[in-house]
Amino acid sequence: MAPPLSQPALVELFTYNYWARDRHLQACETLTEEQVWRPLVSGFPSLGFALAHLVIVEWLWLERWQGRLPHALRSPEEFSSLAALSARWRLVESEMKAYLAHLDEKALEQPFSYVNLEGQTWTYPLWHTLLHLINHQTYHRGQVAGLLRQLGVQPPGVDFLVGQDMGLRL
């Protein structure tokens, strides 16, 4: 039985995810480094920490999917600037796209087991974990939008259909 989300559909979702990320990063480029890392009222200490969380979690899942077992999250303090964070994210994106390009329908429906950071083992169909990451990124992009507003920046529209209306080619 084929998974409800095909490999091409997942590639489209990741393409959209990076488009939305780039729109937020462009908005962040209007800020000073002090503003990016300034303490704000949020679930994250700052806008920079929220963005770092997104790239770190994406890296974590990619590591798992490639058979590596990270035992800890990378630290947001690794990123000295918005430019450093963005550069790391582009590297993760490149690796992610290469990973996705080699998936096939059979792989997507196979059970995928991983050990979380608390040492617990979980198993899901692979496509569930890919969709989980996309959902995670979407959720936290909403928080990034709120943080941008706190800093006086109107966040760009990043809804999927906004991308379609703007000519995003998936």
Protein backbone atom coordinates (compact mmCIF):
# COMPACT_ATOMS: atom_id res chain seq x y z
CA MET A 1 0.00 0.00 0.00
CA ALA A 2 1.44 3.36 -1.03
CA PRO A 3 1.71 6.13 1.58
CA PRO A 4 -0.86 8.95 1.33
CA LEU A 5 1.99 11.36 0.54
CA SER A 6 4.14 10.52 -2.43
CA GLN A 7 7.81 11.40 -2.80
CA PRO A 8 6.98 14.21 -5.28
CA ALA A 9 4.39 15.61 -2.85
CA LEU A 10 6.92 15.60 -0.01
CA VAL A 11 9.48 17.32 -2.23
CA GLU A 12 6.83 19.98 -2.96
CA LEU A 13 6.19 20.48 0.74
CA PHE A 14 9.90 20.87 1.46
CA THR A 15 10.25 23.30 -1.48
CA TYR A 16 7.42 25.36 0.00
CA ASN A 17 9.04 25.10 3.44
CA TYR A 18 12.29 26.61 2.14
CA TRP A 19 10.45 29.35 0.24
CA ALA A 20 8.62 30.35 3.45
CA ARG A 21 11.88 30.19 5.42
CA ASP A 22 13.57 32.47 2.88
CA ARG A 23 10.75 35.01 3.15
CA HIS A 24 11.22 35.14 6.91
CA LEU A 25 15.00 35.35 6.62
CA GLN A 26 14.64 38.27 4.19
CA ALA A 27 12.45 40.05 6.74
CA CYS A 28 15.05 39.36 9.42
CA GLU A 29 17.76 40.94 7.30
CA THR A 30 16.11 44.33 7.95
CA LEU A 31 17.01 43.95 11.63
CA THR A 32 20.26 44.55 13.45
CA GLU A 33 22.05 41.61 15.08
CA GLU A 34 21.09 43.11 18.43
CA GLN A 35 17.42 42.96 17.47
CA VAL A 36 17.70 39.38 16.18
CA TRP A 37 19.13 38.17 19.49
CA ARG A 38 17.28 40.61 21.80
CA PRO A 39 15.26 38.94 24.58
CA LEU A 40 11.55 38.95 23.73
CA VAL A 41 8.32 37.67 25.23
CA SER A 42 7.95 34.27 23.59
CA GLY A 43 8.48 30.56 24.01
CA PHE A 44 12.00 31.31 22.74
CA PRO A 45 14.47 33.75 24.31
CA SER A 46 14.79 35.67 21.03
CA LEU A 47 14.01 35.65 17.33
CA GLY A 48 17.50 34.25 16.72
CA PHE A 49 16.85 31.36 19.09
CA ALA A 50 13.55 30.58 17.33
CA LEU A 51 15.29 30.48 13.95
CA ALA A 52 18.14 28.42 15.41
CA HIS A 53 15.60 25.95 16.79
CA LEU A 54 14.16 25.47 13.30
CA VAL A 55 17.50 24.72 11.67
CA ILE A 56 18.70 22.56 14.57
CA VAL A 57 15.58 20.37 14.52
CA GLU A 58 15.76 20.04 10.74
CA TRP A 59 19.39 18.95 11.08
CA LEU A 60 18.43 16.48 13.85
CA TRP A 61 15.81 14.74 11.71
CA LEU A 62 18.10 14.64 8.70
CA GLU A 63 20.78 13.01 10.85
CA ARG A 64 18.27 10.39 11.99
CA TRP A 65 17.05 9.68 8.48
CA GLN A 66 20.63 9.20 7.32
CA GLY A 67 21.25 6.62 10.02
CA ARG A 68 23.26 8.77 12.39
CA LEU A 69 22.27 8.98 16.04
CA PRO A 70 22.78 12.45 17.49
CA HIS A 71 22.61 12.30 21.27
CA ALA A 72 22.03 16.01 21.81
CA LEU A 73 20.71 19.03 20.02
CA ARG A 74 23.19 21.53 18.71
CA SER A 75 23.24 24.74 20.69
CA PRO A 76 21.70 27.98 19.37
CA GLU A 77 24.81 29.70 20.74
CA GLU A 78 26.74 28.08 17.84
CA PHE A 79 25.34 30.79 15.61
CA SER A 80 27.22 34.03 16.00
CA SER A 81 25.03 35.93 13.56
CA LEU A 82 21.96 35.72 11.37
CA ALA A 83 24.32 35.20 8.41
CA ALA A 84 25.97 32.20 10.13
CA LEU A 85 22.57 30.71 10.94
CA SER A 86 21.37 31.23 7.37
CA ALA A 87 24.53 29.68 5.92
CA ARG A 88 24.15 26.58 8.11
CA TRP A 89 20.50 26.29 7.12
CA ARG A 90 21.38 26.39 3.44
CA LEU A 91 23.83 23.54 3.99
CA VAL A 92 21.15 21.50 5.77
CA GLU A 93 18.72 22.35 2.95
CA SER A 94 21.18 21.07 0.35
CA GLU A 95 21.65 17.81 2.24
CA MET A 96 17.88 17.50 2.76
CA LYS A 97 17.14 17.93 -0.94
CA ALA A 98 19.73 15.27 -1.80
CA TYR A 99 18.17 12.92 0.75
CA LEU A 100 14.63 13.51 -0.55
CA ALA A 101 15.71 13.03 -4.17
CA HIS A 102 16.75 9.46 -3.45
CA LEU A 103 13.61 8.36 -1.62
CA ASP A 104 11.16 6.09 -3.35
CA GLU A 105 7.58 5.16 -2.55
CA LYS A 106 8.62 1.87 -0.95
CA ALA A 107 11.02 3.63 1.43
CA LEU A 108 8.32 6.11 2.48
CA GLU A 109 6.00 3.38 3.71
CA GLN A 110 8.71 1.43 5.57
CA PRO A 111 8.87 1.59 9.35
CA PHE A 112 11.45 4.08 10.55
CA SER A 113 12.83 3.71 14.08
CA TYR A 114 14.86 6.26 15.94
CA VAL A 115 16.01 6.97 19.47
CA ASN A 116 14.91 10.35 20.79
CA LEU A 117 17.06 12.58 22.96
CA GLU A 118 15.60 10.97 26.11
CA GLY A 119 16.75 7.52 24.96
CA GLN A 120 13.28 6.28 23.96
CA THR A 121 12.84 4.33 20.75
CA TRP A 122 9.96 5.26 18.44
CA THR A 123 8.81 3.72 15.17
CA TYR A 124 6.61 5.28 12.50
CA PRO A 125 6.28 4.98 8.74
CA LEU A 126 9.06 7.14 7.30
CA TRP A 127 6.60 9.49 5.60
CA HIS A 128 5.02 10.29 8.99
CA THR A 129 8.34 11.61 10.28
CA LEU A 130 8.90 13.71 7.15
CA LEU A 131 5.45 15.23 7.49
CA HIS A 132 6.08 15.75 11.21
CA LEU A 133 9.11 17.93 10.40
CA ILE A 134 7.13 20.02 7.90
CA ASN A 135 4.38 20.50 10.48
CA HIS A 136 6.96 21.45 13.13
CA GLN A 137 8.48 24.08 10.85
CA THR A 138 5.06 25.54 10.01
CA TYR A 139 4.12 25.76 13.68
CA HIS A 140 7.27 27.63 14.64
CA ARG A 141 7.08 29.93 11.60
CA GLY A 142 3.94 31.30 13.25
CA GLN A 143 6.01 32.10 16.32
CA VAL A 144 8.69 33.71 14.15
CA ALA A 145 5.98 35.93 12.65
CA GLY A 146 4.94 37.03 16.15
CA LEU A 147 8.55 37.77 17.09
CA LEU A 148 9.01 39.83 13.94
CA ARG A 149 5.93 41.86 14.91
CA GLN A 150 7.39 42.47 18.39
CA LEU A 151 10.44 43.92 16.64
CA GLY A 152 8.31 46.21 14.47
CA VAL A 153 8.61 44.19 11.25
CA GLN A 154 5.53 43.19 9.29
CA PRO A 155 6.06 39.48 8.62
CA PRO A 156 5.69 38.40 5.01
CA GLY A 157 2.86 36.14 3.93
CA VAL A 158 4.10 32.56 3.93
CA ASP A 159 0.91 30.56 3.51
CA PHE A 160 1.10 27.78 0.93
CA LEU A 161 -1.44 29.44 -1.36
CA VAL A 162 0.38 32.77 -1.05
CA GLY A 163 3.38 30.98 -2.51
CA GLN A 164 1.24 29.64 -5.31
CA ASP A 165 -0.15 33.10 -6.03
CA MET A 166 3.40 34.48 -6.08
CA GLY A 167 4.47 31.92 -8.66
CA LEU A 168 6.25 29.42 -6.40
CA ARG A 169 7.07 26.50 -8.66
CA LEU A 170 7.00 23.24 -6.83
